[in-house]
Amino acid sequence: MRGTLAERLIDFYLDLQFPYELPPGFRVMNPFREPRVQTTIQKFYLRFLDDYRPRRVLMGINPGRHGGGVTGIPFTDTKRLVGVCGLEWDGPSSHEPSSEFFYAMACYRGDVSSFYGKFFSFPVSPLGFLQEKEKGKWLNANYYDSPQLLETVRPFIVASLDRLASWNIDRTVGFCLGQGPNLRVLEELNHRYRWFARIVALPHPRFIIQYKRREMTSYLELYWRELLA
């Protein structure tokens, strides 16, 4: 296995599969099968994380349809991929509200390279999920949206976070983005598997953009107080 964090992440994602049968009405969203995404994640990680520095980890829920589900990079829609990260994208454009806050936060006390020199994001479930709704529509689902889905995904989460913890990361603290079910699941599993010495919860970026946009500066300050504590 290759050694820098970038190389480890690339190896992980390019080989990522979901080996379990999902409950009826759910399906896996795996963007890493697409050649465009494979190229993009290699360029992204080699640009920002190709070294041996022990970074702190921000753990979201799972890739969404308009962010990581498109680009393969957590909390990164195509708008931020091109406009902030400076990478090319030749596919359909996407806008993800969570990505808007995440990159406002990443650049709040420097630039994106400085941020990724100290931190990176890794979802609790590195693959996303879709749920069939009325009229045959498939919409974004969180891994905890049904008890059956959570039980099916749990061993995949454990295997993924075991892999993450084996890398040269800062395990003194793990940041959970989301103060509801994502936090409850992560705290329960971390209590058993001891990936991190402690878990610190932060409001989810989508919640901030959707409900607290007028207070965004306060949330940016909150994030950085916790990230640097």
C-alpha atoms as a PDB file:
ATOM      1  CA  MET A   1       0.000   0.000   0.000  1.00  0.00           C
ATOM      2  CA  ARG A   2       1.200   3.472  -0.846  1.00  0.00           C
ATOM      3  CA  GLY A   3       2.015   5.884   1.944  1.00  0.00           C
ATOM      4  CA  THR A   4       0.909   9.531   1.749  1.00  0.00           C
ATOM      5  CA  LEU A   5      -2.612  10.399   2.831  1.00  0.00           C
ATOM      6  CA  ALA A   6      -3.486  11.227  -0.769  1.00  0.00           C
ATOM      7  CA  GLU A   7      -2.261   7.867  -1.987  1.00  0.00           C
ATOM      8  CA  ARG A   8      -4.146   6.009   0.730  1.00  0.00           C
ATOM      9  CA  LEU A   9      -7.384   7.877  -0.005  1.00  0.00           C
ATOM     10  CA  ILE A  10      -7.047   7.277  -3.746  1.00  0.00           C
ATOM     11  CA  ASP A  11      -6.430   3.564  -3.216  1.00  0.00           C
ATOM     12  CA  PHE A  12      -9.398   3.385  -0.859  1.00  0.00           C
ATOM     13  CA  TYR A  13     -11.879   5.132  -3.124  1.00  0.00           C
ATOM     14  CA  LEU A  14     -10.836   3.483  -6.383  1.00  0.00           C
ATOM     15  CA  ASP A  15     -11.427   0.080  -4.807  1.00  0.00           C
ATOM     16  CA  LEU A  16     -14.604   1.035  -2.915  1.00  0.00           C
ATOM     17  CA  GLN A  17     -17.584  -1.295  -3.217  1.00  0.00           C
ATOM     18  CA  PHE A  18     -20.667  -2.009  -1.155  1.00  0.00           C
ATOM     19  CA  PRO A  19     -20.768  -5.785  -0.553  1.00  0.00           C
ATOM     20  CA  TYR A  20     -24.187  -6.068   1.120  1.00  0.00           C
ATOM     21  CA  GLU A  21     -27.741  -6.358  -0.171  1.00  0.00           C
ATOM     22  CA  LEU A  22     -29.745  -3.266   0.686  1.00  0.00           C
ATOM     23  CA  PRO A  23     -33.339  -3.313   1.949  1.00  0.00           C
ATOM     24  CA  PRO A  24     -36.060  -2.954  -0.703  1.00  0.00           C
ATOM     25  CA  GLY A  25     -36.461   0.605  -1.948  1.00  0.00           C
ATOM     26  CA  PHE A  26     -32.811   1.595  -1.486  1.00  0.00           C
ATOM     27  CA  ARG A  27     -29.821   1.528  -3.770  1.00  0.00           C
ATOM     28  CA  VAL A  28     -26.161   2.493  -3.536  1.00  0.00           C
ATOM     29  CA  MET A  29     -24.774   5.659  -5.085  1.00  0.00           C
ATOM     30  CA  ASN A  30     -21.156   4.963  -6.020  1.00  0.00           C
ATOM     31  CA  PRO A  31     -19.601   7.802  -8.050  1.00  0.00           C
ATOM     32  CA  PHE A  32     -16.150   6.215  -7.917  1.00  0.00           C
ATOM     33  CA  ARG A  33     -16.977   3.867 -10.778  1.00  0.00           C
ATOM     34  CA  GLU A  34     -17.024   6.792 -13.207  1.00  0.00           C
ATOM     35  CA  PRO A  35     -13.749   7.589 -15.044  1.00  0.00           C
ATOM     36  CA  ARG A  36     -14.358  11.353 -14.684  1.00  0.00           C
ATOM     37  CA  VAL A  37     -14.609  10.998 -10.901  1.00  0.00           C
ATOM     38  CA  GLN A  38     -11.599   8.700 -10.693  1.00  0.00           C
ATOM     39  CA  THR A  39      -9.511  11.322 -12.476  1.00  0.00           C
ATOM     40  CA  THR A  40     -10.888  14.142 -10.336  1.00  0.00           C
ATOM     41  CA  ILE A  41     -10.227  12.543  -6.966  1.00  0.00           C
ATOM     42  CA  GLN A  42      -6.670  11.688  -7.961  1.00  0.00           C
ATOM     43  CA  LYS A  43      -5.986  15.287  -8.993  1.00  0.00           C
ATOM     44  CA  PHE A  44      -7.677  16.668  -5.880  1.00  0.00           C
ATOM     45  CA  TYR A  45      -5.945  14.501  -3.306  1.00  0.00           C
ATOM     46  CA  LEU A  46      -2.531  14.717  -4.947  1.00  0.00           C
ATOM     47  CA  ARG A  47      -2.846  18.502  -4.986  1.00  0.00           C
ATOM     48  CA  PHE A  48      -3.950  18.986  -1.383  1.00  0.00           C
ATOM     49  CA  LEU A  49      -3.066  15.918   0.730  1.00  0.00           C
ATOM     50  CA  ASP A  50       0.025  14.337  -0.808  1.00  0.00           C
ATOM     51  CA  ASP A  51       2.187  14.264   2.325  1.00  0.00           C
ATOM     52  CA  TYR A  52       2.481  12.572   5.707  1.00  0.00           C
ATOM     53  CA  ARG A  53       1.084  15.288   7.994  1.00  0.00           C
ATOM     54  CA  PRO A  54      -1.420  13.943  10.584  1.00  0.00           C
ATOM     55  CA  ARG A  55      -4.603  15.871   9.788  1.00  0.00           C
ATOM     56  CA  ARG A  56      -7.822  16.126  11.797  1.00  0.00           C
ATOM     57  CA  VAL A  57     -10.923  14.546  10.260  1.00  0.00           C
ATOM     58  CA  LEU A  58     -14.360  16.111   9.700  1.00  0.00           C
ATOM     59  CA  MET A  59     -16.951  13.362   9.325  1.00  0.00           C
ATOM     60  CA  GLY A  60     -20.158  14.084   7.477  1.00  0.00           C
ATOM     61  CA  ILE A  61     -22.994  11.638   6.844  1.00  0.00           C
ATOM     62  CA  ASN A  62     -22.638  10.179   3.347  1.00  0.00           C
ATOM     63  CA  PRO A  63     -22.191  11.637  -0.154  1.00  0.00           C
ATOM     64  CA  GLY A  64     -25.153  13.603  -1.464  1.00  0.00           C
ATOM     65  CA  ARG A  65     -26.468  13.696  -5.031  1.00  0.00           C
ATOM     66  CA  HIS A  66     -25.173  17.198  -5.776  1.00  0.00           C
ATOM     67  CA  GLY A  67     -21.886  17.214  -3.860  1.00  0.00           C
ATOM     68  CA  GLY A  68     -19.686  14.210  -3.224  1.00  0.00           C
ATOM     69  CA  GLY A  69     -22.100  12.070  -5.206  1.00  0.00           C
ATOM     70  CA  VAL A  70     -21.069  14.027  -8.307  1.00  0.00           C
ATOM     71  CA  THR A  71     -17.398  14.882  -7.764  1.00  0.00           C
ATOM     72  CA  GLY A  72     -16.377  12.064  -5.412  1.00  0.00           C
ATOM     73  CA  ILE A  73     -15.006  14.592  -2.909  1.00  0.00           C
ATOM     74  CA  PRO A  74     -16.875  15.144   0.380  1.00  0.00           C
ATOM     75  CA  PHE A  75     -18.771  18.441   0.638  1.00  0.00           C
ATOM     76  CA  THR A  76     -17.528  19.465  -2.815  1.00  0.00           C
ATOM     77  CA  ASP A  77     -19.934  20.361  -5.595  1.00  0.00           C
ATOM     78  CA  THR A  78     -18.698  21.222  -9.063  1.00  0.00           C
ATOM     79  CA  LYS A  79     -18.984  24.961  -8.385  1.00  0.00           C
ATOM     80  CA  ARG A  80     -16.500  24.769  -5.501  1.00  0.00           C
ATOM     81  CA  LEU A  81     -14.363  22.156  -7.257  1.00  0.00           C
ATOM     82  CA  VAL A  82     -13.674  24.591 -10.090  1.00  0.00           C
ATOM     83  CA  GLY A  83     -14.014  27.997  -8.417  1.00  0.00           C
ATOM     84  CA  VAL A  84     -12.259  27.312  -5.104  1.00  0.00           C
ATOM     85  CA  CYS A  85     -10.134  24.203  -5.602  1.00  0.00           C
ATOM     86  CA  GLY A  86      -9.005  25.230  -9.086  1.00  0.00           C
ATOM     87  CA  LEU A  87      -9.644  21.874 -10.760  1.00  0.00           C
ATOM     88  CA  GLU A  88     -11.187  21.296 -14.162  1.00  0.00           C
ATOM     89  CA  TRP A  89     -14.566  19.610 -14.561  1.00  0.00           C
ATOM     90  CA  ASP A  90     -16.066  18.610 -17.893  1.00  0.00           C
ATOM     91  CA  GLY A  91     -19.332  17.134 -16.633  1.00  0.00           C
ATOM     92  CA  PRO A  92     -22.711  18.528 -15.569  1.00  0.00           C
ATOM     93  CA  SER A  93     -22.583  21.368 -13.051  1.00  0.00           C
ATOM     94  CA  SER A  94     -23.952  20.986  -9.523  1.00  0.00           C
ATOM     95  CA  HIS A  95     -24.700  23.163  -6.520  1.00  0.00           C
ATOM     96  CA  GLU A  96     -24.837  21.718  -3.001  1.00  0.00           C
ATOM     97  CA  PRO A  97     -25.802  23.975  -0.048  1.00  0.00           C
ATOM     98  CA  SER A  98     -23.510  22.028   2.293  1.00  0.00           C
ATOM     99  CA  SER A  99     -20.594  22.718  -0.029  1.00  0.00           C
ATOM    100  CA  GLU A 100     -21.304  26.449   0.126  1.00  0.00           C
ATOM    101  CA  PHE A 101     -20.810  26.550   3.897  1.00  0.00           C
ATOM    102  CA  PHE A 102     -17.973  24.018   3.949  1.00  0.00           C
ATOM    103  CA  TYR A 103     -15.796  26.052   1.605  1.00  0.00           C
ATOM    104  CA  ALA A 104     -16.729  29.360   3.206  1.00  0.00           C
ATOM    105  CA  MET A 105     -15.468  27.769   6.411  1.00  0.00           C
ATOM    106  CA  ALA A 106     -12.379  26.256   4.780  1.00  0.00           C
ATOM    107  CA  CYS A 107     -11.314  29.665   3.449  1.00  0.00           C
ATOM    108  CA  TYR A 108     -12.427  31.708   6.463  1.00  0.00           C
ATOM    109  CA  ARG A 109      -8.972  31.850   8.034  1.00  0.00           C
ATOM    110  CA  GLY A 110      -6.781  31.308   5.003  1.00  0.00           C
ATOM    111  CA  ASP A 111      -7.108  29.536   1.700  1.00  0.00           C
ATOM    112  CA  VAL A 112      -8.206  26.084   0.714  1.00  0.00           C
ATOM    113  CA  SER A 113      -4.631  24.745   0.584  1.00  0.00           C
ATOM    114  CA  SER A 114      -4.000  25.905   4.138  1.00  0.00           C
ATOM    115  CA  PHE A 115      -7.212  24.246   5.311  1.00  0.00           C
ATOM    116  CA  TYR A 116      -6.472  20.908   3.678  1.00  0.00           C
ATOM    117  CA  GLY A 117      -2.974  21.045   5.100  1.00  0.00           C
ATOM    118  CA  LYS A 118      -4.527  20.547   8.552  1.00  0.00           C
ATOM    119  CA  PHE A 119      -7.929  18.954   7.969  1.00  0.00           C
ATOM    120  CA  PHE A 120      -9.856  16.769   5.550  1.00  0.00           C
ATOM    121  CA  SER A 121     -13.328  15.283   5.314  1.00  0.00           C
ATOM    122  CA  PHE A 122     -14.259  11.619   5.335  1.00  0.00           C
ATOM    123  CA  PRO A 123     -17.943  10.588   5.529  1.00  0.00           C
ATOM    124  CA  VAL A 124     -19.128   8.152   8.157  1.00  0.00           C
ATOM    125  CA  SER A 125     -20.435   6.196   5.170  1.00  0.00           C
ATOM    126  CA  PRO A 126     -18.133   6.839   2.187  1.00  0.00           C
ATOM    127  CA  LEU A 127     -20.853   5.723  -0.236  1.00  0.00           C
ATOM    128  CA  GLY A 128     -24.215   7.407  -0.642  1.00  0.00           C
ATOM    129  CA  PHE A 129     -27.708   5.969  -0.947  1.00  0.00           C
ATOM    130  CA  LEU A 130     -30.887   6.666  -2.865  1.00  0.00           C
ATOM    131  CA  GLN A 131     -34.423   5.832  -1.774  1.00  0.00           C
ATOM    132  CA  GLU A 132     -37.335   5.243  -4.090  1.00  0.00           C
ATOM    133  CA  LYS A 133     -40.174   7.669  -3.463  1.00  0.00           C
ATOM    134  CA  GLU A 134     -43.535   8.188  -5.097  1.00  0.00           C
ATOM    135  CA  LYS A 135     -43.821   8.022  -8.894  1.00  0.00           C
ATOM    136  CA  GLY A 136     -40.552   6.108  -9.184  1.00  0.00           C
ATOM    137  CA  LYS A 137     -38.342   9.001  -8.113  1.00  0.00           C
ATOM    138  CA  TRP A 138     -35.035   8.154  -6.439  1.00  0.00           C
ATOM    139  CA  LEU A 139     -33.992  10.754  -3.876  1.00  0.00           C
ATOM    140  CA  ASN A 140     -31.005  11.173  -1.589  1.00  0.00           C
ATOM    141  CA  ALA A 141     -31.070   9.065   1.576  1.00  0.00           C
ATOM    142  CA  ASN A 142     -28.952   9.195   4.697  1.00  0.00           C
ATOM    143  CA  TYR A 143     -27.523   5.904   5.945  1.00  0.00           C
ATOM    144  CA  TYR A 144     -29.642   6.163   9.120  1.00  0.00           C
ATOM    145  CA  ASP A 145     -32.964   6.956   7.404  1.00  0.00           C
ATOM    146  CA  SER A 146     -34.391   3.548   8.216  1.00  0.00           C
ATOM    147  CA  PRO A 147     -33.432   0.983  10.889  1.00  0.00           C
ATOM    148  CA  GLN A 148     -33.027  -1.683   8.202  1.00  0.00           C
ATOM    149  CA  LEU A 149     -30.727   0.504   6.126  1.00  0.00           C
ATOM    150  CA  LEU A 150     -28.607   1.400   9.152  1.00  0.00           C
ATOM    151  CA  GLU A 151     -28.184  -2.221  10.181  1.00  0.00           C
ATOM    152  CA  THR A 152     -27.166  -3.160   6.652  1.00  0.00           C
ATOM    153  CA  VAL A 153     -24.680  -0.299   6.348  1.00  0.00           C
ATOM    154  CA  ARG A 154     -23.182  -0.629   9.841  1.00  0.00           C
ATOM    155  CA  PRO A 155     -20.447  -3.208   8.978  1.00  0.00           C
ATOM    156  CA  PHE A 156     -19.479  -1.131   5.937  1.00  0.00           C
ATOM    157  CA  ILE A 157     -19.123   1.931   8.175  1.00  0.00           C
ATOM    158  CA  VAL A 158     -17.011   0.016  10.676  1.00  0.00           C
ATOM    159  CA  ALA A 159     -14.709  -1.359   7.978  1.00  0.00           C
ATOM    160  CA  SER A 160     -14.298   2.102   6.422  1.00  0.00           C
ATOM    161  CA  LEU A 161     -13.515   3.850   9.709  1.00  0.00           C
ATOM    162  CA  ASP A 162     -11.150   1.039  10.704  1.00  0.00           C
ATOM    163  CA  ARG A 163      -9.278   1.746   7.489  1.00  0.00           C
ATOM    164  CA  LEU A 164      -9.279   5.482   8.178  1.00  0.00           C
ATOM    165  CA  ALA A 165      -7.931   4.990  11.700  1.00  0.00           C
ATOM    166  CA  SER A 166      -5.045   2.889  10.373  1.00  0.00           C
ATOM    167  CA  TRP A 167      -3.670   5.882   8.473  1.00  0.00           C
ATOM    168  CA  ASN A 168      -1.456   8.642   9.808  1.00  0.00           C
ATOM    169  CA  ILE A 169      -4.261  10.913  11.025  1.00  0.00           C
ATOM    170  CA  ASP A 170      -4.787  12.913  14.214  1.00  0.00           C
ATOM    171  CA  ARG A 171      -6.867  10.589  16.398  1.00  0.00           C
ATOM    172  CA  THR A 172      -7.003  12.851  19.432  1.00  0.00           C
ATOM    173  CA  VAL A 173     -10.334  14.196  18.153  1.00  0.00           C
ATOM    174  CA  GLY A 174     -12.815  13.438  15.392  1.00  0.00           C
ATOM    175  CA  PHE A 175     -15.298  16.076  14.281  1.00  0.00           C
ATOM    176  CA  CYS A 176     -18.841  14.932  13.594  1.00  0.00           C
ATOM    177  CA  LEU A 177     -20.743  17.211  11.216  1.00  0.00           C
ATOM    178  CA  GLY A 178     -24.306  16.828  12.415  1.00  0.00           C
ATOM    179  CA  GLN A 179     -25.647  16.841  15.955  1.00  0.00           C
ATOM    180  CA  GLY A 180     -28.466  14.321  15.494  1.00  0.00           C
ATOM    181  CA  PRO A 181     -28.440  10.726  14.217  1.00  0.00           C
ATOM    182  CA  ASN A 182     -24.967  10.981  12.669  1.00  0.00           C
ATOM    183  CA  LEU A 183     -23.560  11.913  16.068  1.00  0.00           C
ATOM    184  CA  ARG A 184     -25.448   9.160  17.882  1.00  0.00           C
ATOM    185  CA  VAL A 185     -24.217   6.475  15.490  1.00  0.00           C
ATOM    186  CA  LEU A 186     -20.631   7.742  15.466  1.00  0.00           C
ATOM    187  CA  GLU A 187     -20.437   8.061  19.251  1.00  0.00           C
ATOM    188  CA  GLU A 188     -21.858   4.578  19.727  1.00  0.00           C
ATOM    189  CA  LEU A 189     -19.389   3.017  17.320  1.00  0.00           C
ATOM    190  CA  ASN A 190     -16.439   5.070  18.539  1.00  0.00           C
ATOM    191  CA  HIS A 191     -17.154   3.991  22.114  1.00  0.00           C
ATOM    192  CA  ARG A 192     -16.750   0.394  20.966  1.00  0.00           C
ATOM    193  CA  TYR A 193     -13.915   0.687  18.437  1.00  0.00           C
ATOM    194  CA  ARG A 194     -11.941   3.637  19.892  1.00  0.00           C
ATOM    195  CA  TRP A 195     -11.021   5.270  16.598  1.00  0.00           C
ATOM    196  CA  PHE A 196     -10.792   8.695  18.262  1.00  0.00           C
ATOM    197  CA  ALA A 197     -10.059   9.788  21.814  1.00  0.00           C
ATOM    198  CA  ARG A 198     -13.138  12.023  21.676  1.00  0.00           C
ATOM    199  CA  ILE A 199     -15.837  13.126  19.265  1.00  0.00           C
ATOM    200  CA  VAL A 200     -16.773  16.809  18.908  1.00  0.00           C
ATOM    201  CA  ALA A 201     -20.100  17.594  17.256  1.00  0.00           C
ATOM    202  CA  LEU A 202     -20.604  20.576  14.957  1.00  0.00           C
ATOM    203  CA  PRO A 203     -23.823  21.754  13.277  1.00  0.00           C
ATOM    204  CA  HIS A 204     -24.227  20.276   9.830  1.00  0.00           C
ATOM    205  CA  PRO A 205     -23.360  22.683   6.983  1.00  0.00           C
ATOM    206  CA  ARG A 206     -26.708  22.145   5.279  1.00  0.00           C
ATOM    207  CA  PHE A 207     -28.585  23.043   8.466  1.00  0.00           C
ATOM    208  CA  ILE A 208     -26.609  26.276   8.720  1.00  0.00           C
ATOM    209  CA  ILE A 209     -27.229  27.288   5.118  1.00  0.00           C
ATOM    210  CA  GLN A 210     -30.898  26.307   5.180  1.00  0.00           C
ATOM    211  CA  TYR A 211     -31.932  27.685   8.574  1.00  0.00           C
ATOM    212  CA  LYS A 212     -29.174  29.900   9.974  1.00  0.00           C
ATOM    213  CA  ARG A 213     -27.724  31.727   6.981  1.00  0.00           C
ATOM    214  CA  ARG A 214     -28.107  35.132   8.649  1.00  0.00           C
ATOM    215  CA  GLU A 215     -25.930  33.865  11.501  1.00  0.00           C
ATOM    216  CA  MET A 216     -23.332  32.313   9.229  1.00  0.00           C
ATOM    217  CA  THR A 217     -20.407  34.309  10.618  1.00  0.00           C
ATOM    218  CA  SER A 218     -21.175  33.054  14.114  1.00  0.00           C
ATOM    219  CA  TYR A 219     -21.110  29.479  12.844  1.00  0.00           C
ATOM    220  CA  LEU A 220     -17.844  30.044  10.999  1.00  0.00           C
ATOM    221  CA  GLU A 221     -16.322  31.283  14.254  1.00  0.00           C
ATOM    222  CA  LEU A 222     -17.789  28.292  16.123  1.00  0.00           C
ATOM    223  CA  TYR A 223     -16.251  25.847  13.684  1.00  0.00           C
ATOM    224  CA  TRP A 224     -12.800  27.367  13.936  1.00  0.00           C
ATOM    225  CA  ARG A 225     -12.880  27.573  17.728  1.00  0.00           C
ATOM    226  CA  GLU A 226     -13.525  23.840  17.850  1.00  0.00           C
ATOM    227  CA  LEU A 227     -11.211  22.883  15.014  1.00  0.00           C
ATOM    228  CA  LEU A 228      -8.255  24.610  16.652  1.00  0.00           C
ATOM    229  CA  ALA A 229      -9.021  23.704  20.267  1.00  0.00           C
END
